[in-house]
Full PDB file with SEQRES, HELIX, SHEET, SSBOND, CRYST1, ORIGX, SCALE, CONECT and MASTER records, all heavy atoms in Angstrom:
SEQRES   1 A   32  TYR TYR GLY GLN LYS ALA TRP SER HIS LEU PHE GLY ASP          
SEQRES   2 A   32  ARG PRO VAL SER VAL ASN ILE TYR ARG VAL VAL PHE CYS          
SEQRES   3 A   32  LEU LEU ILE VAL ALA GLY                                      
HELIX    1 AA1 TYR A    2  PHE A   11  1                                  10    
HELIX    2 AA2 PRO A   15  ALA A   31  1                                  17    
CRYST1    1.000    1.000    1.000  90.00  90.00  90.00 P 1           1          
ORIGX1      1.000000  0.000000  0.000000        0.00000                         
ORIGX2      0.000000  1.000000  0.000000        0.00000                         
ORIGX3      0.000000  0.000000  1.000000        0.00000                         
SCALE1      1.000000  0.000000  0.000000        0.00000                         
SCALE2      0.000000  1.000000  0.000000        0.00000                         
SCALE3      0.000000  0.000000  1.000000        0.00000                         
ATOM      1  N   TYR A   1      33.211 -25.858   0.017  1.00  0.00           N  
ATOM      2  CA  TYR A   1      31.893 -25.408   0.472  1.00  0.00           C  
ATOM      3  C   TYR A   1      31.978 -24.120   1.313  1.00  0.00           C  
ATOM      4  O   TYR A   1      31.232 -23.183   1.108  1.00  0.00           O  
ATOM      5  CB  TYR A   1      31.245 -26.502   1.275  1.00  0.00           C  
ATOM      6  CG  TYR A   1      29.878 -26.145   1.849  1.00  0.00           C  
ATOM      7  CD1 TYR A   1      28.787 -25.987   1.040  1.00  0.00           C  
ATOM      8  CD2 TYR A   1      29.757 -25.955   3.228  1.00  0.00           C  
ATOM      9  CE1 TYR A   1      27.528 -25.634   1.591  1.00  0.00           C  
ATOM     10  CE2 TYR A   1      28.522 -25.612   3.765  1.00  0.00           C  
ATOM     11  CZ  TYR A   1      27.413 -25.470   2.955  1.00  0.00           C  
ATOM     12  OH  TYR A   1      26.185 -25.097   3.449  1.00  0.00           O  
ATOM     13  N   TYR A   2      32.968 -24.072   2.214  1.00  0.00           N  
ATOM     14  CA  TYR A   2      33.173 -22.854   3.004  1.00  0.00           C  
ATOM     15  C   TYR A   2      33.405 -21.671   2.102  1.00  0.00           C  
ATOM     16  O   TYR A   2      32.832 -20.576   2.307  1.00  0.00           O  
ATOM     17  CB  TYR A   2      34.366 -23.017   3.974  1.00  0.00           C  
ATOM     18  CG  TYR A   2      34.172 -24.055   5.101  1.00  0.00           C  
ATOM     19  CD1 TYR A   2      35.271 -24.474   5.849  1.00  0.00           C  
ATOM     20  CD2 TYR A   2      32.952 -24.591   5.437  1.00  0.00           C  
ATOM     21  CE1 TYR A   2      35.139 -25.369   6.896  1.00  0.00           C  
ATOM     22  CE2 TYR A   2      32.822 -25.464   6.440  1.00  0.00           C  
ATOM     23  CZ  TYR A   2      33.893 -25.908   7.184  1.00  0.00           C  
ATOM     24  OH  TYR A   2      33.753 -26.809   8.173  1.00  0.00           O  
ATOM     25  N   GLY A   3      34.323 -21.849   1.156  1.00  0.00           N  
ATOM     26  CA  GLY A   3      34.627 -20.797   0.229  1.00  0.00           C  
ATOM     27  C   GLY A   3      33.476 -20.348  -0.564  1.00  0.00           C  
ATOM     28  O   GLY A   3      33.264 -19.162  -0.832  1.00  0.00           O  
ATOM     29  N   GLN A   4      32.627 -21.327  -0.979  1.00  0.00           N  
ATOM     30  CA  GLN A   4      31.459 -20.984  -1.809  1.00  0.00           C  
ATOM     31  C   GLN A   4      30.486 -20.105  -1.008  1.00  0.00           C  
ATOM     32  O   GLN A   4      29.913 -19.139  -1.502  1.00  0.00           O  
ATOM     33  CB  GLN A   4      30.727 -22.286  -2.235  1.00  0.00           C  
ATOM     34  CG  GLN A   4      29.461 -22.030  -3.048  1.00  0.00           C  
ATOM     35  CD  GLN A   4      28.864 -23.334  -3.528  1.00  0.00           C  
ATOM     36  OE1 GLN A   4      29.551 -24.185  -4.045  1.00  0.00           O  
ATOM     37  NE2 GLN A   4      27.569 -23.476  -3.359  1.00  0.00           N  
ATOM     38  N   LYS A   5      30.330 -20.417   0.286  1.00  0.00           N  
ATOM     39  CA  LYS A   5      29.376 -19.595   1.126  1.00  0.00           C  
ATOM     40  C   LYS A   5      29.953 -18.208   1.318  1.00  0.00           C  
ATOM     41  O   LYS A   5      29.217 -17.227   1.331  1.00  0.00           O  
ATOM     42  CB  LYS A   5      29.125 -20.311   2.434  1.00  0.00           C  
ATOM     43  CG  LYS A   5      28.263 -21.568   2.297  1.00  0.00           C  
ATOM     44  CD  LYS A   5      26.951 -21.222   1.701  1.00  0.00           C  
ATOM     45  CE  LYS A   5      26.037 -22.423   1.567  1.00  0.00           C  
ATOM     46  NZ  LYS A   5      24.747 -22.100   0.878  1.00  0.00           N  
ATOM     47  N   ALA A   6      31.275 -18.098   1.510  1.00  0.00           N  
ATOM     48  CA  ALA A   6      31.906 -16.793   1.673  1.00  0.00           C  
ATOM     49  C   ALA A   6      31.774 -15.989   0.340  1.00  0.00           C  
ATOM     50  O   ALA A   6      31.481 -14.786   0.328  1.00  0.00           O  
ATOM     51  CB  ALA A   6      33.383 -16.933   2.043  1.00  0.00           C  
ATOM     52  N   TRP A   7      32.005 -16.675  -0.764  1.00  0.00           N  
ATOM     53  CA  TRP A   7      31.879 -16.032  -2.083  1.00  0.00           C  
ATOM     54  C   TRP A   7      30.445 -15.538  -2.315  1.00  0.00           C  
ATOM     55  O   TRP A   7      30.246 -14.421  -2.739  1.00  0.00           O  
ATOM     56  CB  TRP A   7      32.239 -17.057  -3.133  1.00  0.00           C  
ATOM     57  CG  TRP A   7      32.071 -16.623  -4.576  1.00  0.00           C  
ATOM     58  CD1 TRP A   7      30.896 -16.533  -5.251  1.00  0.00           C  
ATOM     59  CD2 TRP A   7      33.066 -16.202  -5.499  1.00  0.00           C  
ATOM     60  NE1 TRP A   7      31.123 -16.112  -6.564  1.00  0.00           N  
ATOM     61  CE2 TRP A   7      32.444 -15.887  -6.746  1.00  0.00           C  
ATOM     62  CE3 TRP A   7      34.468 -16.120  -5.456  1.00  0.00           C  
ATOM     63  CZ2 TRP A   7      33.112 -15.453  -7.863  1.00  0.00           C  
ATOM     64  CZ3 TRP A   7      35.184 -15.679  -6.541  1.00  0.00           C  
ATOM     65  CH2 TRP A   7      34.495 -15.326  -7.723  1.00  0.00           C  
ATOM     66  N   SER A   8      29.472 -16.382  -2.004  1.00  0.00           N  
ATOM     67  CA  SER A   8      28.075 -16.011  -2.203  1.00  0.00           C  
ATOM     68  C   SER A   8      27.718 -14.797  -1.326  1.00  0.00           C  
ATOM     69  O   SER A   8      26.913 -13.942  -1.730  1.00  0.00           O  
ATOM     70  CB  SER A   8      27.137 -17.159  -1.836  1.00  0.00           C  
ATOM     71  OG  SER A   8      27.374 -18.239  -2.751  1.00  0.00           O  
ATOM     72  N   HIS A   9      28.263 -14.727  -0.125  1.00  0.00           N  
ATOM     73  CA  HIS A   9      28.024 -13.593   0.763  1.00  0.00           C  
ATOM     74  C   HIS A   9      28.542 -12.299   0.140  1.00  0.00           C  
ATOM     75  O   HIS A   9      27.975 -11.239   0.270  1.00  0.00           O  
ATOM     76  CB  HIS A   9      28.655 -13.843   2.109  1.00  0.00           C  
ATOM     77  CG  HIS A   9      28.369 -12.753   3.127  1.00  0.00           C  
ATOM     78  ND1 HIS A   9      27.171 -12.677   3.771  1.00  0.00           N  
ATOM     79  CD2 HIS A   9      29.120 -11.715   3.610  1.00  0.00           C  
ATOM     80  CE1 HIS A   9      27.202 -11.606   4.609  1.00  0.00           C  
ATOM     81  NE2 HIS A   9      28.375 -11.026   4.532  1.00  0.00           N  
ATOM     82  N   LEU A  10      29.711 -12.407  -0.524  1.00  0.00           N  
ATOM     83  CA  LEU A  10      30.339 -11.245  -1.073  1.00  0.00           C  
ATOM     84  C   LEU A  10      29.782 -10.851  -2.484  1.00  0.00           C  
ATOM     85  O   LEU A  10      29.638  -9.672  -2.810  1.00  0.00           O  
ATOM     86  CB  LEU A  10      31.856 -11.450  -1.229  1.00  0.00           C  
ATOM     87  CG  LEU A  10      32.616 -11.642   0.120  1.00  0.00           C  
ATOM     88  CD1 LEU A  10      34.025 -12.134  -0.140  1.00  0.00           C  
ATOM     89  CD2 LEU A  10      32.667 -10.311   0.882  1.00  0.00           C  
ATOM     90  N   PHE A  11      29.487 -11.848  -3.317  1.00  0.00           N  
ATOM     91  CA  PHE A  11      29.189 -11.584  -4.722  1.00  0.00           C  
ATOM     92  C   PHE A  11      27.776 -12.080  -5.083  1.00  0.00           C  
ATOM     93  O   PHE A  11      27.406 -12.032  -6.278  1.00  0.00           O  
ATOM     94  CB  PHE A  11      30.227 -12.266  -5.611  1.00  0.00           C  
ATOM     95  CG  PHE A  11      31.610 -11.865  -5.322  1.00  0.00           C  
ATOM     96  CD1 PHE A  11      32.554 -12.756  -4.775  1.00  0.00           C  
ATOM     97  CD2 PHE A  11      32.060 -10.584  -5.565  1.00  0.00           C  
ATOM     98  CE1 PHE A  11      33.841 -12.393  -4.505  1.00  0.00           C  
ATOM     99  CE2 PHE A  11      33.361 -10.187  -5.308  1.00  0.00           C  
ATOM    100  CZ  PHE A  11      34.256 -11.091  -4.748  1.00  0.00           C  
ATOM    101  N   GLY A  12      27.023 -12.587  -4.160  1.00  0.00           N  
ATOM    102  CA  GLY A  12      25.680 -13.049  -4.478  1.00  0.00           C  
ATOM    103  C   GLY A  12      25.649 -14.566  -4.768  1.00  0.00           C  
ATOM    104  O   GLY A  12      26.694 -15.146  -5.119  1.00  0.00           O  
ATOM    105  N   ASP A  13      24.491 -15.164  -4.618  1.00  0.00           N  
ATOM    106  CA  ASP A  13      24.379 -16.636  -4.785  1.00  0.00           C  
ATOM    107  C   ASP A  13      23.627 -17.004  -6.033  1.00  0.00           C  
ATOM    108  O   ASP A  13      23.040 -18.097  -6.108  1.00  0.00           O  
ATOM    109  CB  ASP A  13      23.705 -17.260  -3.524  1.00  0.00           C  
ATOM    110  CG  ASP A  13      22.296 -16.732  -3.303  1.00  0.00           C  
ATOM    111  OD1 ASP A  13      21.881 -15.805  -4.015  1.00  0.00           O  
ATOM    112  OD2 ASP A  13      21.604 -17.239  -2.400  1.00  0.00           O  
ATOM    113  N   ARG A  14      23.636 -16.126  -7.075  1.00  0.00           N  
ATOM    114  CA  ARG A  14      22.997 -16.507  -8.325  1.00  0.00           C  
ATOM    115  C   ARG A  14      23.781 -17.665  -8.943  1.00  0.00           C  
ATOM    116  O   ARG A  14      25.003 -17.769  -8.730  1.00  0.00           O  
ATOM    117  CB  ARG A  14      22.923 -15.333  -9.261  1.00  0.00           C  
ATOM    118  CG  ARG A  14      22.062 -14.164  -8.774  1.00  0.00           C  
ATOM    119  CD  ARG A  14      21.962 -13.083  -9.848  1.00  0.00           C  
ATOM    120  NE  ARG A  14      23.253 -12.616 -10.236  1.00  0.00           N  
ATOM    121  CZ  ARG A  14      23.983 -11.695  -9.585  1.00  0.00           C  
ATOM    122  NH1 ARG A  14      23.481 -11.164  -8.471  1.00  0.00           N  
ATOM    123  NH2 ARG A  14      25.146 -11.308 -10.054  1.00  0.00           N  
ATOM    124  N   PRO A  15      23.154 -18.540  -9.705  1.00  0.00           N  
ATOM    125  CA  PRO A  15      23.855 -19.641 -10.286  1.00  0.00           C  
ATOM    126  C   PRO A  15      25.116 -19.311 -11.081  1.00  0.00           C  
ATOM    127  O   PRO A  15      26.129 -20.006 -10.956  1.00  0.00           O  
ATOM    128  CB  PRO A  15      22.810 -20.274 -11.220  1.00  0.00           C  
ATOM    129  CG  PRO A  15      21.489 -19.934 -10.593  1.00  0.00           C  
ATOM    130  CD  PRO A  15      21.712 -18.554 -10.005  1.00  0.00           C  
ATOM    131  N   VAL A  16      25.078 -18.186 -11.801  1.00  0.00           N  
ATOM    132  CA  VAL A  16      26.242 -17.765 -12.565  1.00  0.00           C  
ATOM    133  C   VAL A  16      27.471 -17.484 -11.636  1.00  0.00           C  
ATOM    134  O   VAL A  16      28.574 -17.935 -11.851  1.00  0.00           O  
ATOM    135  CB  VAL A  16      25.947 -16.564 -13.410  1.00  0.00           C  
ATOM    136  CG1 VAL A  16      27.218 -16.023 -14.053  1.00  0.00           C  
ATOM    137  CG2 VAL A  16      24.923 -16.903 -14.531  1.00  0.00           C  
ATOM    138  N   SER A  17      27.135 -16.768 -10.524  1.00  0.00           N  
ATOM    139  CA  SER A  17      28.178 -16.383  -9.606  1.00  0.00           C  
ATOM    140  C   SER A  17      28.748 -17.634  -8.937  1.00  0.00           C  
ATOM    141  O   SER A  17      30.005 -17.756  -8.822  1.00  0.00           O  
ATOM    142  CB  SER A  17      27.638 -15.457  -8.528  1.00  0.00           C  
ATOM    143  OG  SER A  17      28.553 -15.165  -7.543  1.00  0.00           O  
ATOM    144  N   VAL A  18      27.917 -18.532  -8.526  1.00  0.00           N  
ATOM    145  CA  VAL A  18      28.341 -19.734  -7.822  1.00  0.00           C  
ATOM    146  C   VAL A  18      29.189 -20.598  -8.732  1.00  0.00           C  
ATOM    147  O   VAL A  18      30.209 -21.192  -8.373  1.00  0.00           O  
ATOM    148  CB  VAL A  18      27.171 -20.549  -7.286  1.00  0.00           C  
ATOM    149  CG1 VAL A  18      27.597 -21.921  -6.757  1.00  0.00           C  
ATOM    150  CG2 VAL A  18      26.477 -19.765  -6.147  1.00  0.00           C  
ATOM    151  N   ASN A  19      28.782 -20.722 -10.023  1.00  0.00           N  
ATOM    152  CA  ASN A  19      29.482 -21.521 -10.986  1.00  0.00           C  
ATOM    153  C   ASN A  19      30.858 -20.915 -11.315  1.00  0.00           C  
ATOM    154  O   ASN A  19      31.850 -21.691 -11.546  1.00  0.00           O  
ATOM    155  CB  ASN A  19      28.702 -21.704 -12.275  1.00  0.00           C  
ATOM    156  CG  ASN A  19      27.533 -22.645 -12.114  1.00  0.00           C  
ATOM    157  OD1 ASN A  19      27.559 -23.530 -11.276  1.00  0.00           O  
ATOM    158  ND2 ASN A  19      26.445 -22.467 -12.860  1.00  0.00           N  
ATOM    159  N   ILE A  20      30.991 -19.629 -11.316  1.00  0.00           N  
ATOM    160  CA  ILE A  20      32.301 -18.995 -11.504  1.00  0.00           C  
ATOM    161  C   ILE A  20      33.222 -19.366 -10.375  1.00  0.00           C  
ATOM    162  O   ILE A  20      34.408 -19.730 -10.594  1.00  0.00           O  
ATOM    163  CB  ILE A  20      32.156 -17.439 -11.562  1.00  0.00           C  
ATOM    164  CG1 ILE A  20      31.489 -17.015 -12.872  1.00  0.00           C  
ATOM    165  CG2 ILE A  20      33.512 -16.749 -11.456  1.00  0.00           C  
ATOM    166  CD1 ILE A  20      31.152 -15.541 -12.956  1.00  0.00           C  
ATOM    167  N   TYR A  21      32.706 -19.334  -9.144  1.00  0.00           N  
ATOM    168  CA  TYR A  21      33.507 -19.773  -8.011  1.00  0.00           C  
ATOM    169  C   TYR A  21      33.994 -21.222  -8.176  1.00  0.00           C  
ATOM    170  O   TYR A  21      35.130 -21.527  -7.902  1.00  0.00           O  
ATOM    171  CB  TYR A  21      32.731 -19.602  -6.704  1.00  0.00           C  
ATOM    172  CG  TYR A  21      33.384 -20.345  -5.542  1.00  0.00           C  
ATOM    173  CD1 TYR A  21      34.515 -19.807  -4.904  1.00  0.00           C  
ATOM    174  CD2 TYR A  21      32.942 -21.625  -5.142  1.00  0.00           C  
ATOM    175  CE1 TYR A  21      35.124 -20.509  -3.867  1.00  0.00           C  
ATOM    176  CE2 TYR A  21      33.551 -22.305  -4.181  1.00  0.00           C  
ATOM    177  CZ  TYR A  21      34.649 -21.747  -3.506  1.00  0.00           C  
ATOM    178  OH  TYR A  21      35.292 -22.464  -2.484  1.00  0.00           O  
ATOM    179  N   ARG A  22      33.079 -22.099  -8.501  1.00  0.00           N  
ATOM    180  CA  ARG A  22      33.448 -23.511  -8.643  1.00  0.00           C  
ATOM    181  C   ARG A  22      34.496 -23.737  -9.682  1.00  0.00           C  
ATOM    182  O   ARG A  22      35.405 -24.546  -9.494  1.00  0.00           O  
ATOM    183  CB  ARG A  22      32.202 -24.362  -8.928  1.00  0.00           C  
ATOM    184  CG  ARG A  22      31.201 -24.435  -7.756  1.00  0.00           C  
ATOM    185  CD  ARG A  22      29.884 -25.047  -8.187  1.00  0.00           C  
ATOM    186  NE  ARG A  22      28.982 -25.181  -7.048  1.00  0.00           N  
ATOM    187  CZ  ARG A  22      27.679 -25.453  -7.185  1.00  0.00           C  
ATOM    188  NH1 ARG A  22      27.116 -25.629  -8.430  1.00  0.00           N  
ATOM    189  NH2 ARG A  22      26.895 -25.564  -6.147  1.00  0.00           N  
ATOM    190  N   VAL A  23      34.401 -23.033 -10.792  1.00  0.00           N  
ATOM    191  CA  VAL A  23      35.433 -23.137 -11.860  1.00  0.00           C  
ATOM    192  C   VAL A  23      36.768 -22.685 -11.349  1.00  0.00           C  
ATOM    193  O   VAL A  23      37.826 -23.335 -11.531  1.00  0.00           O  
ATOM    194  CB  VAL A  23      34.992 -22.379 -13.115  1.00  0.00           C  
ATOM    195  CG1 VAL A  23      36.124 -22.269 -14.109  1.00  0.00           C  
ATOM    196  CG2 VAL A  23      33.762 -23.023 -13.783  1.00  0.00           C  
ATOM    197  N   VAL A  24      36.773 -21.513 -10.683  1.00  0.00           N  
ATOM    198  CA  VAL A  24      38.056 -20.981 -10.136  1.00  0.00           C  
ATOM    199  C   VAL A  24      38.616 -21.924  -9.126  1.00  0.00           C  
ATOM    200  O   VAL A  24      39.847 -22.253  -9.141  1.00  0.00           O  
ATOM    201  CB  VAL A  24      37.831 -19.617  -9.485  1.00  0.00           C  
ATOM    202  CG1 VAL A  24      39.039 -19.129  -8.715  1.00  0.00           C  
ATOM    203  CG2 VAL A  24      37.464 -18.565 -10.553  1.00  0.00           C  
ATOM    204  N   PHE A  25      37.785 -22.475  -8.256  1.00  0.00           N  
ATOM    205  CA  PHE A  25      38.269 -23.346  -7.217  1.00  0.00           C  
ATOM    206  C   PHE A  25      38.880 -24.626  -7.821  1.00  0.00           C  
ATOM    207  O   PHE A  25      39.959 -25.081  -7.400  1.00  0.00           O  
ATOM    208  CB  PHE A  25      37.101 -23.777  -6.297  1.00  0.00           C  
ATOM    209  CG  PHE A  25      37.476 -24.504  -5.035  1.00  0.00           C  
ATOM    210  CD1 PHE A  25      37.950 -23.835  -3.910  1.00  0.00           C  
ATOM    211  CD2 PHE A  25      37.457 -25.903  -4.980  1.00  0.00           C  
ATOM    212  CE1 PHE A  25      38.323 -24.503  -2.754  1.00  0.00           C  
ATOM    213  CE2 PHE A  25      37.840 -26.599  -3.855  1.00  0.00           C  
ATOM    214  CZ  PHE A  25      38.258 -25.902  -2.743  1.00  0.00           C  
ATOM    215  N   CYS A  26      38.223 -25.180  -8.808  1.00  0.00           N  
ATOM    216  CA  CYS A  26      38.722 -26.417  -9.442  1.00  0.00           C  
ATOM    217  C   CYS A  26      39.974 -26.173 -10.279  1.00  0.00           C  
ATOM    218  O   CYS A  26      40.869 -27.011 -10.339  1.00  0.00           O  
ATOM    219  CB  CYS A  26      37.668 -27.089 -10.289  1.00  0.00           C  
ATOM    220  SG  CYS A  26      36.315 -27.779  -9.292  1.00  0.00           S  
ATOM    221  N   LEU A  27      40.072 -25.002 -10.921  1.00  0.00           N  
ATOM    222  CA  LEU A  27      41.297 -24.652 -11.630  1.00  0.00           C  
ATOM    223  C   LEU A  27      42.485 -24.536 -10.673  1.00  0.00           C  
ATOM    224  O   LEU A  27      43.601 -24.928 -11.013  1.00  0.00           O  
ATOM    225  CB  LEU A  27      41.129 -23.362 -12.400  1.00  0.00           C  
ATOM    226  CG  LEU A  27      40.225 -23.417 -13.656  1.00  0.00           C  
ATOM    227  CD1 LEU A  27      40.082 -22.003 -14.278  1.00  0.00           C  
ATOM    228  CD2 LEU A  27      40.846 -24.358 -14.707  1.00  0.00           C  
ATOM    229  N   LEU A  28      42.213 -24.054  -9.465  1.00  0.00           N  
ATOM    230  CA  LEU A  28      43.283 -23.921  -8.453  1.00  0.00           C  
ATOM    231  C   LEU A  28      43.738 -25.301  -7.957  1.00  0.00           C  
ATOM    232  O   LEU A  28      44.855 -25.447  -7.527  1.00  0.00           O  
ATOM    233  CB  LEU A  28      42.843 -23.016  -7.322  1.00  0.00           C  
ATOM    234  CG  LEU A  28      42.874 -21.531  -7.644  1.00  0.00           C  
ATOM    235  CD1 LEU A  28      42.241 -20.699  -6.456  1.00  0.00           C  
ATOM    236  CD2 LEU A  28      44.320 -21.060  -7.888  1.00  0.00           C  
ATOM    237  N   ILE A  29      42.834 -26.275  -8.018  1.00  0.00           N  
ATOM    238  CA  ILE A  29      43.232 -27.621  -7.700  1.00  0.00           C  
ATOM    239  C   ILE A  29      44.292 -28.113  -8.634  1.00  0.00           C  
ATOM    240  O   ILE A  29      45.319 -28.696  -8.219  1.00  0.00           O  
ATOM    241  CB  ILE A  29      42.013 -28.578  -7.692  1.00  0.00           C  
ATOM    242  CG1 ILE A  29      41.065 -28.255  -6.530  1.00  0.00           C  
ATOM    243  CG2 ILE A  29      42.418 -30.043  -7.598  1.00  0.00           C  
ATOM    244  CD1 ILE A  29      39.785 -29.048  -6.554  1.00  0.00           C  
ATOM    245  N   VAL A  30      44.055 -27.887  -9.907  1.00  0.00           N  
ATOM    246  CA  VAL A  30      45.044 -28.295 -10.948  1.00  0.00           C  
ATOM    247  C   VAL A  30      46.350 -27.497 -10.736  1.00  0.00           C  
ATOM    248  O   VAL A  30      47.453 -28.102 -10.825  1.00  0.00           O  
ATOM    249  CB  VAL A  30      44.490 -28.020 -12.349  1.00  0.00           C  
ATOM    250  CG1 VAL A  30      45.519 -28.419 -13.397  1.00  0.00           C  
ATOM    251  CG2 VAL A  30      43.185 -28.817 -12.555  1.00  0.00           C  
ATOM    252  N   ALA A  31      46.200 -26.216 -10.422  1.00  0.00           N  
ATOM    253  CA  ALA A  31      47.425 -25.403 -10.193  1.00  0.00           C  
ATOM    254  C   ALA A  31      48.195 -25.912  -8.959  1.00  0.00           C  
ATOM    255  O   ALA A  31      49.410 -25.876  -8.945  1.00  0.00           O  
ATOM    256  CB  ALA A  31      47.021 -23.922  -9.961  1.00  0.00           C  
ATOM    257  N   GLY A  32      47.450 -26.364  -7.969  1.00  0.00           N  
ATOM    258  CA  GLY A  32      48.096 -26.919  -6.739  1.00  0.00           C  
ATOM    259  C   GLY A  32      48.931 -28.138  -7.035  1.00  0.00           C  
ATOM    260  O   GLY A  32      49.939 -28.390  -6.339  1.00  0.00           O  
TER     261      GLY A  32                                                      
MASTER        0    0    0    2    0    0    0    6  260    1    0    3          
END                                                                             
């Protein structure tokens, strides 16, 4: 959630932008 708010501040909070962040975040969970 913290990262999503920082991402939205930098790249906007449109649904497409937020969903890109969520996908990246979850892919990094698998990478972790």
